[in-house]
Amino acid sequence: MSDTKTLSERIDLLETRLTFQDETIETLNKTITAQWQQIDALTRQVEALSERLREAEANAPGAANELPPHY
C-alpha cells in the first residue's frame, strides 16, 4: 500500500509540475509573439525612415561633400 501511495504522490507532483510548465510555456509564447510583432513594426519603421532619408538626400540642393561657396 505504501508503494501505491508513494506512486500516487509522485504522479500528483508530476501533474502539478506539468501544469505549471504548460502555463509558463504559454506565457513565453505570448511574450515572444508580442516581441516579434514589435520587431516587425520597428523594422517597417526603419525601412520607411531609410526611404525618406534617401529621398531627402536625392532632393538636396547640393552634393554633401561639396565645399561651401565662400571657400
N, C-alpha and C. Protein backbone atom coordinates (compact mmCIF):
# COMPACT_ATOMS: atom_id res chain seq x y z
N MET A 1 0.81 -1.19 0.00
CA MET A 1 0.00 0.00 0.00
C MET A 1 0.86 1.26 0.00
N SER A 2 1.98 1.19 0.66
CA SER A 2 2.88 2.33 0.74
C SER A 2 3.44 2.67 -0.65
N ASP A 3 3.72 1.64 -1.45
CA ASP A 3 4.22 1.87 -2.80
C ASP A 3 3.17 2.58 -3.65
N THR A 4 1.94 2.21 -3.49
CA THR A 4 0.85 2.83 -4.25
C THR A 4 0.69 4.28 -3.84
N LYS A 5 0.79 4.56 -2.54
CA LYS A 5 0.67 5.93 -2.05
C LYS A 5 1.84 6.78 -2.56
N THR A 6 3.03 6.22 -2.50
CA THR A 6 4.21 6.93 -2.98
C THR A 6 4.11 7.20 -4.47
N LEU A 7 3.66 6.22 -5.22
CA LEU A 7 3.49 6.38 -6.66
C LEU A 7 2.43 7.42 -6.96
N SER A 8 1.35 7.38 -6.21
CA SER A 8 0.28 8.36 -6.41
C SER A 8 0.77 9.78 -6.10
N GLU A 9 1.56 9.94 -5.06
CA GLU A 9 2.11 11.25 -4.72
C GLU A 9 3.06 11.74 -5.81
N ARG A 10 3.85 10.84 -6.35
CA ARG A 10 4.77 11.21 -7.42
C ARG A 10 4.01 11.64 -8.66
N ILE A 11 2.95 10.92 -8.98
CA ILE A 11 2.13 11.27 -10.15
C ILE A 11 1.48 12.63 -9.93
N ASP A 12 0.96 12.87 -8.73
CA ASP A 12 0.35 14.17 -8.43
C ASP A 12 1.37 15.29 -8.58
N LEU A 13 2.58 15.06 -8.07
CA LEU A 13 3.64 16.05 -8.18
C LEU A 13 3.99 16.32 -9.64
N LEU A 14 4.09 15.26 -10.42
CA LEU A 14 4.41 15.42 -11.85
C LEU A 14 3.29 16.16 -12.59
N GLU A 15 2.06 15.87 -12.27
CA GLU A 15 0.94 16.56 -12.91
C GLU A 15 0.94 18.04 -12.56
N THR A 16 1.26 18.35 -11.31
CA THR A 16 1.32 19.74 -10.88
C THR A 16 2.44 20.47 -11.62
N ARG A 17 3.60 19.85 -11.69
CA ARG A 17 4.72 20.46 -12.41
C ARG A 17 4.40 20.65 -13.88
N LEU A 18 3.73 19.68 -14.47
CA LEU A 18 3.36 19.78 -15.88
C LEU A 18 2.41 20.95 -16.10
N THR A 19 1.48 21.13 -15.20
CA THR A 19 0.54 22.24 -15.32
C THR A 19 1.28 23.58 -15.26
N PHE A 20 2.19 23.73 -14.32
CA PHE A 20 2.97 24.96 -14.23
C PHE A 20 3.84 25.16 -15.46
N GLN A 21 4.41 24.09 -15.97
CA GLN A 21 5.23 24.20 -17.18
C GLN A 21 4.39 24.61 -18.38
N ASP A 22 3.19 24.06 -18.49
CA ASP A 22 2.30 24.46 -19.58
C ASP A 22 1.96 25.94 -19.50
N GLU A 23 1.69 26.43 -18.31
CA GLU A 23 1.39 27.85 -18.13
C GLU A 23 2.60 28.71 -18.49
N THR A 24 3.77 28.27 -18.08
CA THR A 24 4.99 29.00 -18.38
C THR A 24 5.24 29.05 -19.88
N ILE A 25 5.06 27.92 -20.54
CA ILE A 25 5.25 27.87 -21.99
C ILE A 25 4.27 28.79 -22.69
N GLU A 26 3.03 28.81 -22.26
CA GLU A 26 2.03 29.68 -22.86
C GLU A 26 2.39 31.15 -22.66
N THR A 27 2.86 31.50 -21.48
CA THR A 27 3.27 32.87 -21.19
C THR A 27 4.46 33.27 -22.07
N LEU A 28 5.44 32.38 -22.17
CA LEU A 28 6.60 32.66 -23.02
C LEU A 28 6.20 32.80 -24.48
N ASN A 29 5.29 31.97 -24.92
CA ASN A 29 4.82 32.04 -26.31
C ASN A 29 4.16 33.39 -26.59
N LYS A 30 3.33 33.84 -25.67
CA LYS A 30 2.68 35.15 -25.84
C LYS A 30 3.71 36.27 -25.85
N THR A 31 4.70 36.17 -24.99
CA THR A 31 5.74 37.19 -24.93
C THR A 31 6.54 37.24 -26.22
N ILE A 32 6.92 36.09 -26.72
CA ILE A 32 7.70 36.03 -27.96
C ILE A 32 6.88 36.55 -29.13
N THR A 33 5.60 36.20 -29.18
CA THR A 33 4.73 36.69 -30.25
C THR A 33 4.64 38.21 -30.22
N ALA A 34 4.47 38.77 -29.03
CA ALA A 34 4.39 40.23 -28.90
C ALA A 34 5.71 40.89 -29.32
N GLN A 35 6.82 40.27 -28.94
CA GLN A 35 8.12 40.83 -29.32
C GLN A 35 8.32 40.79 -30.82
N TRP A 36 7.94 39.71 -31.47
CA TRP A 36 8.09 39.63 -32.93
C TRP A 36 7.22 40.66 -33.62
N GLN A 37 6.02 40.90 -33.09
CA GLN A 37 5.16 41.92 -33.69
C GLN A 37 5.81 43.30 -33.56
N GLN A 38 6.41 43.56 -32.40
CA GLN A 38 7.08 44.84 -32.21
C GLN A 38 8.31 44.94 -33.11
N ILE A 39 9.06 43.88 -33.24
CA ILE A 39 10.24 43.88 -34.13
C ILE A 39 9.81 44.14 -35.57
N ASP A 40 8.74 43.50 -36.01
CA ASP A 40 8.24 43.72 -37.37
C ASP A 40 7.84 45.18 -37.57
N ALA A 41 7.14 45.75 -36.59
CA ALA A 41 6.72 47.15 -36.70
C ALA A 41 7.93 48.07 -36.75
N LEU A 42 8.91 47.82 -35.91
CA LEU A 42 10.12 48.65 -35.90
C LEU A 42 10.92 48.50 -37.19
N THR A 43 10.96 47.30 -37.73
CA THR A 43 11.66 47.07 -38.99
C THR A 43 10.99 47.86 -40.12
N ARG A 44 9.67 47.84 -40.16
CA ARG A 44 8.96 48.62 -41.18
C ARG A 44 9.20 50.12 -41.00
N GLN A 45 9.26 50.57 -39.75
CA GLN A 45 9.50 51.98 -39.48
C GLN A 45 10.91 52.38 -39.93
N VAL A 46 11.90 51.56 -39.65
CA VAL A 46 13.27 51.85 -40.07
C VAL A 46 13.36 51.88 -41.59
N GLU A 47 12.69 50.96 -42.26
CA GLU A 47 12.70 50.95 -43.72
C GLU A 47 12.06 52.21 -44.28
N ALA A 48 10.95 52.64 -43.68
CA ALA A 48 10.29 53.86 -44.14
C ALA A 48 11.17 55.08 -43.91
N LEU A 49 11.83 55.14 -42.76
CA LEU A 49 12.72 56.27 -42.48
C LEU A 49 13.93 56.26 -43.41
N SER A 50 14.45 55.08 -43.71
CA SER A 50 15.57 54.98 -44.65
C SER A 50 15.16 55.48 -46.02
N GLU A 51 13.97 55.14 -46.44
CA GLU A 51 13.47 55.59 -47.74
C GLU A 51 13.33 57.12 -47.75
N ARG A 52 12.79 57.67 -46.67
CA ARG A 52 12.65 59.12 -46.58
C ARG A 52 14.01 59.80 -46.61
N LEU A 53 15.00 59.21 -45.94
CA LEU A 53 16.35 59.78 -45.94
C LEU A 53 16.95 59.75 -47.34
N ARG A 54 16.77 58.63 -48.05
CA ARG A 54 17.28 58.53 -49.42
C ARG A 54 16.63 59.59 -50.31
N GLU A 55 15.33 59.78 -50.15
CA GLU A 55 14.63 60.80 -50.95
C GLU A 55 15.13 62.20 -50.60
N ALA A 56 15.35 62.46 -49.32
CA ALA A 56 15.83 63.78 -48.91
C ALA A 56 17.24 64.03 -49.44
N GLU A 57 18.09 63.01 -49.40
CA GLU A 57 19.44 63.17 -49.93
C GLU A 57 19.42 63.36 -51.44
N ALA A 58 18.53 62.69 -52.11
CA ALA A 58 18.45 62.82 -53.57
C ALA A 58 17.92 64.20 -53.96
N ASN A 59 17.07 64.79 -53.14
CA ASN A 59 16.49 66.09 -53.46
C ASN A 59 17.27 67.24 -52.83
N ALA A 60 18.39 66.96 -52.21
CA ALA A 60 19.19 68.01 -51.58
C ALA A 60 19.72 68.96 -52.65
N PRO A 61 19.84 70.24 -52.33
CA PRO A 61 20.26 71.21 -53.34
C PRO A 61 21.69 71.02 -53.82
N GLY A 62 22.61 70.58 -52.99
CA GLY A 62 23.99 70.42 -53.42
C GLY A 62 24.53 69.09 -52.92
N ALA A 63 25.67 68.73 -53.44
CA ALA A 63 26.29 67.49 -53.00
C ALA A 63 26.74 67.63 -51.55
N ALA A 64 26.73 66.56 -50.82
CA ALA A 64 27.07 66.59 -49.40
C ALA A 64 28.55 66.88 -49.19
N ASN A 65 29.40 66.50 -50.14
CA ASN A 65 30.85 66.68 -49.99
C ASN A 65 31.35 67.97 -50.65
N GLU A 66 30.48 68.75 -51.18
CA GLU A 66 30.85 69.97 -51.88
C GLU A 66 31.20 71.07 -50.87
N LEU A 67 32.25 71.84 -51.14
CA LEU A 67 32.64 72.92 -50.26
C LEU A 67 31.65 74.07 -50.38
N PRO A 68 31.42 74.78 -49.31
CA PRO A 68 30.51 75.96 -49.38
C PRO A 68 31.09 77.02 -50.31
N PRO A 69 30.30 77.90 -50.85
CA PRO A 69 30.75 78.85 -51.86
C PRO A 69 31.79 79.85 -51.34
N HIS A 70 31.90 80.09 -50.07
CA HIS A 70 32.83 81.09 -49.57
C HIS A 70 34.26 80.56 -49.45
N TYR A 71 34.54 79.31 -49.84
CA TYR A 71 35.90 78.78 -49.79
C TYR A 71 36.63 79.06 -51.06
